[in-house]
Amino acid sequence: DAKLIVKQVKNQFQVKNDRLRHYKNKVWDAIETFDAFSIEFVPHEKNDKVDSLAVSASLMIPHSEFDQDKYTIEM
């Protein structure tokens, strides 16, 4: 459930599954490289635009380990 994932990333809900905890830690490792970060749940009926933005953003993430360089992405 997407709403649950958002709450887990925001530390509003405990992550009990080991695999999901690993992914949450990876997200937090990535967040630390940004100057600012925001995440929120978007209901399904408003998801088309969000899905397009997520696909675009996922294509911009380096496939290797994150380095300490800073990236700016504007959409």
PDB file of N, CA and C in Angstrom:
ATOM      1  N   ASP A   1       0.840  -1.179   0.000  1.00  0.00           N
ATOM      2  CA  ASP A   1       0.000   0.000   0.000  1.00  0.00           C
ATOM      3  C   ASP A   1       0.888   1.247   0.000  1.00  0.00           C
ATOM      4  N   ALA A   2       0.662   2.126  -0.957  1.00  0.00           N
ATOM      5  CA  ALA A   2       1.509   3.310  -1.135  1.00  0.00           C
ATOM      6  C   ALA A   2       1.462   4.244   0.072  1.00  0.00           C
ATOM      7  N   LYS A   3       0.290   4.395   0.656  1.00  0.00           N
ATOM      8  CA  LYS A   3       0.163   5.281   1.820  1.00  0.00           C
ATOM      9  C   LYS A   3       1.034   4.772   2.976  1.00  0.00           C
ATOM     10  N   LEU A   4       1.064   3.465   3.164  1.00  0.00           N
ATOM     11  CA  LEU A   4       1.889   2.867   4.212  1.00  0.00           C
ATOM     12  C   LEU A   4       3.373   3.112   3.947  1.00  0.00           C
ATOM     13  N   ILE A   5       3.808   2.953   2.699  1.00  0.00           N
ATOM     14  CA  ILE A   5       5.213   3.179   2.341  1.00  0.00           C
ATOM     15  C   ILE A   5       5.611   4.618   2.650  1.00  0.00           C
ATOM     16  N   VAL A   6       4.758   5.561   2.285  1.00  0.00           N
ATOM     17  CA  VAL A   6       5.047   6.978   2.560  1.00  0.00           C
ATOM     18  C   VAL A   6       5.188   7.195   4.064  1.00  0.00           C
ATOM     19  N   LYS A   7       4.280   6.632   4.844  1.00  0.00           N
ATOM     20  CA  LYS A   7       4.357   6.787   6.302  1.00  0.00           C
ATOM     21  C   LYS A   7       5.621   6.145   6.866  1.00  0.00           C
ATOM     22  N   GLN A   8       6.045   5.021   6.281  1.00  0.00           N
ATOM     23  CA  GLN A   8       7.264   4.367   6.749  1.00  0.00           C
ATOM     24  C   GLN A   8       8.496   5.206   6.422  1.00  0.00           C
ATOM     25  N   VAL A   9       8.543   5.779   5.234  1.00  0.00           N
ATOM     26  CA  VAL A   9       9.679   6.631   4.857  1.00  0.00           C
ATOM     27  C   VAL A   9       9.736   7.863   5.754  1.00  0.00           C
ATOM     28  N   LYS A  10       8.575   8.374   6.144  1.00  0.00           N
ATOM     29  CA  LYS A  10       8.524   9.556   7.016  1.00  0.00           C
ATOM     30  C   LYS A  10       8.670   9.197   8.503  1.00  0.00           C
ATOM     31  N   ASN A  11       8.952   7.921   8.788  1.00  0.00           N
ATOM     32  CA  ASN A  11       9.077   7.427  10.168  1.00  0.00           C
ATOM     33  C   ASN A  11       7.811   7.630  10.989  1.00  0.00           C
ATOM     34  N   GLN A  12       6.657   7.594  10.326  1.00  0.00           N
ATOM     35  CA  GLN A  12       5.380   7.705  11.027  1.00  0.00           C
ATOM     36  C   GLN A  12       4.783   6.327  11.312  1.00  0.00           C
ATOM     37  N   PHE A  13       5.387   5.298  10.713  1.00  0.00           N
ATOM     38  CA  PHE A  13       4.909   3.931  10.895  1.00  0.00           C
ATOM     39  C   PHE A  13       6.106   2.997  10.859  1.00  0.00           C
ATOM     40  N   GLN A  14       6.147   2.036  11.754  1.00  0.00           N
ATOM     41  CA  GLN A  14       7.281   1.113  11.862  1.00  0.00           C
ATOM     42  C   GLN A  14       7.348   0.166  10.659  1.00  0.00           C
ATOM     43  N   VAL A  15       8.571  -0.097  10.177  1.00  0.00           N
ATOM     44  CA  VAL A  15       8.804  -1.072   9.112  1.00  0.00           C
ATOM     45  C   VAL A  15       9.145  -2.397   9.784  1.00  0.00           C
ATOM     46  N   LYS A  16       8.286  -3.397   9.611  1.00  0.00           N
ATOM     47  CA  LYS A  16       8.490  -4.686  10.275  1.00  0.00           C
ATOM     48  C   LYS A  16       9.189  -5.700   9.376  1.00  0.00           C
ATOM     49  N   ASN A  17       8.982  -5.609   8.076  1.00  0.00           N
ATOM     50  CA  ASN A  17       9.564  -6.553   7.126  1.00  0.00           C
ATOM     51  C   ASN A  17      11.031  -6.211   6.864  1.00  0.00           C
ATOM     52  N   ASP A  18      11.918  -7.201   6.988  1.00  0.00           N
ATOM     53  CA  ASP A  18      13.356  -6.957   6.816  1.00  0.00           C
ATOM     54  C   ASP A  18      13.696  -6.414   5.433  1.00  0.00           C
ATOM     55  N   ARG A  19      13.079  -6.966   4.405  1.00  0.00           N
ATOM     56  CA  ARG A  19      13.365  -6.504   3.039  1.00  0.00           C
ATOM     57  C   ARG A  19      12.926  -5.052   2.853  1.00  0.00           C
ATOM     58  N   LEU A  20      11.738  -4.729   3.355  1.00  0.00           N
ATOM     59  CA  LEU A  20      11.266  -3.346   3.245  1.00  0.00           C
ATOM     60  C   LEU A  20      12.112  -2.396   4.086  1.00  0.00           C
ATOM     61  N   ARG A  21      12.596  -2.865   5.240  1.00  0.00           N
ATOM     62  CA  ARG A  21      13.476  -2.038   6.073  1.00  0.00           C
ATOM     63  C   ARG A  21      14.761  -1.708   5.310  1.00  0.00           C
ATOM     64  N   HIS A  22      15.282  -2.696   4.576  1.00  0.00           N
ATOM     65  CA  HIS A  22      16.476  -2.480   3.754  1.00  0.00           C
ATOM     66  C   HIS A  22      16.206  -1.389   2.709  1.00  0.00           C
ATOM     67  N   TYR A  23      15.053  -1.474   2.029  1.00  0.00           N
ATOM     68  CA  TYR A  23      14.711  -0.458   1.025  1.00  0.00           C
ATOM     69  C   TYR A  23      14.543   0.917   1.660  1.00  0.00           C
ATOM     70  N   LYS A  24      13.903   0.962   2.837  1.00  0.00           N
ATOM     71  CA  LYS A  24      13.735   2.249   3.520  1.00  0.00           C
ATOM     72  C   LYS A  24      15.088   2.855   3.861  1.00  0.00           C
ATOM     73  N   ASN A  25      16.024   2.027   4.309  1.00  0.00           N
ATOM     74  CA  ASN A  25      17.366   2.526   4.618  1.00  0.00           C
ATOM     75  C   ASN A  25      18.059   3.056   3.369  1.00  0.00           C
ATOM     76  N   LYS A  26      17.863   2.387   2.234  1.00  0.00           N
ATOM     77  CA  LYS A  26      18.433   2.871   0.968  1.00  0.00           C
ATOM     78  C   LYS A  26      17.830   4.225   0.594  1.00  0.00           C
ATOM     79  N   VAL A  27      16.531   4.368   0.810  1.00  0.00           N
ATOM     80  CA  VAL A  27      15.864   5.649   0.535  1.00  0.00           C
ATOM     81  C   VAL A  27      16.472   6.735   1.407  1.00  0.00           C
ATOM     82  N   TRP A  28      16.661   6.460   2.702  1.00  0.00           N
ATOM     83  CA  TRP A  28      17.230   7.459   3.605  1.00  0.00           C
ATOM     84  C   TRP A  28      18.678   7.778   3.255  1.00  0.00           C
ATOM     85  N   ASP A  29      19.432   6.786   2.775  1.00  0.00           N
ATOM     86  CA  ASP A  29      20.796   7.063   2.308  1.00  0.00           C
ATOM     87  C   ASP A  29      20.769   8.041   1.142  1.00  0.00           C
ATOM     88  N   ALA A  30      19.814   7.843   0.232  1.00  0.00           N
ATOM     89  CA  ALA A  30      19.692   8.742  -0.923  1.00  0.00           C
ATOM     90  C   ALA A  30      19.218  10.127  -0.498  1.00  0.00           C
ATOM     91  N   ILE A  31      18.263  10.188   0.424  1.00  0.00           N
ATOM     92  CA  ILE A  31      17.724  11.467   0.896  1.00  0.00           C
ATOM     93  C   ILE A  31      18.826  12.351   1.463  1.00  0.00           C
ATOM     94  N   GLU A  32      19.775  11.744   2.147  1.00  0.00           N
ATOM     95  CA  GLU A  32      20.860  12.516   2.757  1.00  0.00           C
ATOM     96  C   GLU A  32      21.711  13.256   1.730  1.00  0.00           C
ATOM     97  N   THR A  33      21.637  12.871   0.463  1.00  0.00           N
ATOM     98  CA  THR A  33      22.427  13.544  -0.572  1.00  0.00           C
ATOM     99  C   THR A  33      21.716  14.768  -1.137  1.00  0.00           C
ATOM    100  N   PHE A  34      20.444  14.968  -0.781  1.00  0.00           N
ATOM    101  CA  PHE A  34      19.672  16.094  -1.299  1.00  0.00           C
ATOM    102  C   PHE A  34      19.700  17.270  -0.330  1.00  0.00           C
ATOM    103  N   ASP A  35      19.615  18.474  -0.875  1.00  0.00           N
ATOM    104  CA  ASP A  35      19.476  19.663  -0.034  1.00  0.00           C
ATOM    105  C   ASP A  35      18.089  19.709   0.601  1.00  0.00           C
ATOM    106  N   ALA A  36      17.083  19.224  -0.128  1.00  0.00           N
ATOM    107  CA  ALA A  36      15.708  19.207   0.361  1.00  0.00           C
ATOM    108  C   ALA A  36      15.020  17.965  -0.192  1.00  0.00           C
ATOM    109  N   PHE A  37      14.033  17.477   0.540  1.00  0.00           N
ATOM    110  CA  PHE A  37      13.310  16.284   0.131  1.00  0.00           C
ATOM    111  C   PHE A  37      11.905  16.348   0.690  1.00  0.00           C
ATOM    112  N   SER A  38      10.939  15.920  -0.116  1.00  0.00           N
ATOM    113  CA  SER A  38       9.554  15.883   0.328  1.00  0.00           C
ATOM    114  C   SER A  38       8.890  14.651  -0.279  1.00  0.00           C
ATOM    115  N   ILE A  39       8.051  14.002   0.483  1.00  0.00           N
ATOM    116  CA  ILE A  39       7.301  12.849  -0.016  1.00  0.00           C
ATOM    117  C   ILE A  39       5.894  12.932   0.539  1.00  0.00           C
ATOM    118  N   GLU A  40       4.905  12.629  -0.297  1.00  0.00           N
ATOM    119  CA  GLU A  40       3.527  12.602   0.157  1.00  0.00           C
ATOM    120  C   GLU A  40       2.743  11.587  -0.657  1.00  0.00           C
ATOM    121  N   PHE A  41       1.690  11.074  -0.075  1.00  0.00           N
ATOM    122  CA  PHE A  41       0.814  10.123  -0.747  1.00  0.00           C
ATOM    123  C   PHE A  41      -0.072  10.867  -1.734  1.00  0.00           C
ATOM    124  N   VAL A  42      -0.234  10.292  -2.920  1.00  0.00           N
ATOM    125  CA  VAL A  42      -1.114  10.859  -3.941  1.00  0.00           C
ATOM    126  C   VAL A  42      -2.201   9.827  -4.244  1.00  0.00           C
ATOM    127  N   PRO A  43      -3.466  10.195  -4.087  1.00  0.00           N
ATOM    128  CA  PRO A  43      -4.552   9.253  -4.370  1.00  0.00           C
ATOM    129  C   PRO A  43      -4.535   8.785  -5.827  1.00  0.00           C
ATOM    130  N   HIS A  44      -5.076   7.594  -6.054  1.00  0.00           N
ATOM    131  CA  HIS A  44      -5.073   6.969  -7.374  1.00  0.00           C
ATOM    132  C   HIS A  44      -5.647   7.882  -8.462  1.00  0.00           C
ATOM    133  N   GLU A  45      -6.706   8.599  -8.148  1.00  0.00           N
ATOM    134  CA  GLU A  45      -7.356   9.444  -9.163  1.00  0.00           C
ATOM    135  C   GLU A  45      -6.482  10.618  -9.616  1.00  0.00           C
ATOM    136  N   LYS A  46      -5.439  10.932  -8.882  1.00  0.00           N
ATOM    137  CA  LYS A  46      -4.510  11.997  -9.270  1.00  0.00           C
ATOM    138  C   LYS A  46      -3.149  11.428  -9.667  1.00  0.00           C
ATOM    139  N   ASN A  47      -3.093  10.122  -9.923  1.00  0.00           N
ATOM    140  CA  ASN A  47      -1.824   9.431 -10.071  1.00  0.00           C
ATOM    141  C   ASN A  47      -1.178   9.544 -11.450  1.00  0.00           C
ATOM    142  N   ASP A  48      -1.918   9.862 -12.508  1.00  0.00           N
ATOM    143  CA  ASP A  48      -1.342   9.890 -13.862  1.00  0.00           C
ATOM    144  C   ASP A  48      -0.135  10.814 -13.959  1.00  0.00           C
ATOM    145  N   LYS A  49      -0.283  12.054 -13.510  1.00  0.00           N
ATOM    146  CA  LYS A  49       0.817  13.013 -13.583  1.00  0.00           C
ATOM    147  C   LYS A  49       1.973  12.575 -12.681  1.00  0.00           C
ATOM    148  N   VAL A  50       1.643  12.102 -11.492  1.00  0.00           N
ATOM    149  CA  VAL A  50       2.670  11.655 -10.551  1.00  0.00           C
ATOM    150  C   VAL A  50       3.444  10.477 -11.128  1.00  0.00           C
ATOM    151  N   ASP A  51       2.739   9.541 -11.774  1.00  0.00           N
ATOM    152  CA  ASP A  51       3.404   8.382 -12.369  1.00  0.00           C
ATOM    153  C   ASP A  51       4.386   8.827 -13.444  1.00  0.00           C
ATOM    154  N   SER A  52       3.993   9.773 -14.277  1.00  0.00           N
ATOM    155  CA  SER A  52       4.895  10.293 -15.314  1.00  0.00           C
ATOM    156  C   SER A  52       6.138  10.933 -14.695  1.00  0.00           C
ATOM    157  N   LEU A  53       5.952  11.702 -13.630  1.00  0.00           N
ATOM    158  CA  LEU A  53       7.089  12.329 -12.956  1.00  0.00           C
ATOM    159  C   LEU A  53       8.001  11.281 -12.322  1.00  0.00           C
ATOM    160  N   ALA A  54       7.413  10.253 -11.728  1.00  0.00           N
ATOM    161  CA  ALA A  54       8.217   9.201 -11.093  1.00  0.00           C
ATOM    162  C   ALA A  54       9.042   8.442 -12.125  1.00  0.00           C
ATOM    163  N   VAL A  55       8.438   8.141 -13.271  1.00  0.00           N
ATOM    164  CA  VAL A  55       9.174   7.446 -14.332  1.00  0.00           C
ATOM    165  C   VAL A  55      10.320   8.324 -14.816  1.00  0.00           C
ATOM    166  N   SER A  56      10.058   9.608 -15.034  1.00  0.00           N
ATOM    167  CA  SER A  56      11.112  10.531 -15.479  1.00  0.00           C
ATOM    168  C   SER A  56      12.237  10.607 -14.454  1.00  0.00           C
ATOM    169  N   ALA A  57      11.881  10.721 -13.187  1.00  0.00           N
ATOM    170  CA  ALA A  57      12.899  10.820 -12.136  1.00  0.00           C
ATOM    171  C   ALA A  57      13.707   9.534 -12.025  1.00  0.00           C
ATOM    172  N   SER A  58      13.058   8.396 -12.188  1.00  0.00           N
ATOM    173  CA  SER A  58      13.785   7.129 -12.051  1.00  0.00           C
ATOM    174  C   SER A  58      14.817   6.952 -13.150  1.00  0.00           C
ATOM    175  N   LEU A  59      14.592   7.565 -14.290  1.00  0.00           N
ATOM    176  CA  LEU A  59      15.557   7.475 -15.386  1.00  0.00           C
ATOM    177  C   LEU A  59      16.778   8.351 -15.134  1.00  0.00           C
ATOM    178  N   MET A  60      16.678   9.293 -14.191  1.00  0.00           N
ATOM    179  CA  MET A  60      17.773  10.212 -13.895  1.00  0.00           C
ATOM    180  C   MET A  60      18.675   9.713 -12.775  1.00  0.00           C
ATOM    181  N   ILE A  61      18.270   8.696 -12.046  1.00  0.00           N
ATOM    182  CA  ILE A  61      19.058   8.191 -10.922  1.00  0.00           C
ATOM    183  C   ILE A  61      20.226   7.377 -11.457  1.00  0.00           C
ATOM    184  N   PRO A  62      21.437   7.668 -11.015  1.00  0.00           N
ATOM    185  CA  PRO A  62      22.592   6.883 -11.462  1.00  0.00           C
ATOM    186  C   PRO A  62      22.420   5.413 -11.078  1.00  0.00           C
ATOM    187  N   HIS A  63      22.832   4.527 -11.961  1.00  0.00           N
ATOM    188  CA  HIS A  63      22.670   3.099 -11.699  1.00  0.00           C
ATOM    189  C   HIS A  63      23.749   2.562 -10.767  1.00  0.00           C
ATOM    190  N   SER A  64      24.854   3.280 -10.614  1.00  0.00           N
ATOM    191  CA  SER A  64      25.898   2.845  -9.691  1.00  0.00           C
ATOM    192  C   SER A  64      25.596   3.413  -8.307  1.00  0.00           C
ATOM    193  N   GLU A  65      26.466   3.138  -7.373  1.00  0.00           N
ATOM    194  CA  GLU A  65      26.277   3.681  -6.028  1.00  0.00           C
ATOM    195  C   GLU A  65      26.271   5.208  -6.091  1.00  0.00           C
ATOM    196  N   PHE A  66      25.482   5.823  -5.216  1.00  0.00           N
ATOM    197  CA  PHE A  66      25.440   7.276  -5.168  1.00  0.00           C
ATOM    198  C   PHE A  66      26.789   7.808  -4.709  1.00  0.00           C
ATOM    199  N   ASP A  67      27.241   8.862  -5.361  1.00  0.00           N
ATOM    200  CA  ASP A  67      28.469   9.500  -4.905  1.00  0.00           C
ATOM    201  C   ASP A  67      28.096  10.776  -4.160  1.00  0.00           C
ATOM    202  N   GLN A  68      29.068  11.534  -3.776  1.00  0.00           N
ATOM    203  CA  GLN A  68      28.807  12.719  -2.966  1.00  0.00           C
ATOM    204  C   GLN A  68      28.509  13.961  -3.794  1.00  0.00           C
ATOM    205  N   ASP A  69      28.537  13.846  -5.127  1.00  0.00           N
ATOM    206  CA  ASP A  69      28.189  14.993  -5.958  1.00  0.00           C
ATOM    207  C   ASP A  69      26.725  15.345  -5.748  1.00  0.00           C
ATOM    208  N   LYS A  70      26.410  16.609  -5.902  1.00  0.00           N
ATOM    209  CA  LYS A  70      25.028  17.043  -5.753  1.00  0.00           C
ATOM    210  C   LYS A  70      24.400  17.185  -7.126  1.00  0.00           C
ATOM    211  N   TYR A  71      23.141  16.801  -7.220  1.00  0.00           N
ATOM    212  CA  TYR A  71      22.402  16.862  -8.468  1.00  0.00           C
ATOM    213  C   TYR A  71      21.209  17.784  -8.282  1.00  0.00           C
ATOM    214  N   THR A  72      20.878  18.517  -9.319  1.00  0.00           N
ATOM    215  CA  THR A  72      19.684  19.345  -9.313  1.00  0.00           C
ATOM    216  C   THR A  72      18.773  18.851 -10.417  1.00  0.00           C
ATOM    217  N   ILE A  73      17.534  18.534 -10.061  1.00  0.00           N
ATOM    218  CA  ILE A  73      16.554  18.075 -11.032  1.00  0.00           C
ATOM    219  C   ILE A  73      15.364  19.006 -10.935  1.00  0.00           C
ATOM    220  N   GLU A  74      15.009  19.621 -12.048  1.00  0.00           N
ATOM    221  CA  GLU A  74      13.841  20.494 -12.086  1.00  0.00           C
ATOM    222  C   GLU A  74      12.869  19.951 -13.107  1.00  0.00           C
ATOM    223  N   MET A  75      11.588  19.944 -12.752  1.00  0.00           N
ATOM    224  CA  MET A  75      10.549  19.454 -13.667  1.00  0.00           C
ATOM    225  C   MET A  75       9.436  20.459 -13.750  1.00  0.00           C
TER     226      MET A  75
END
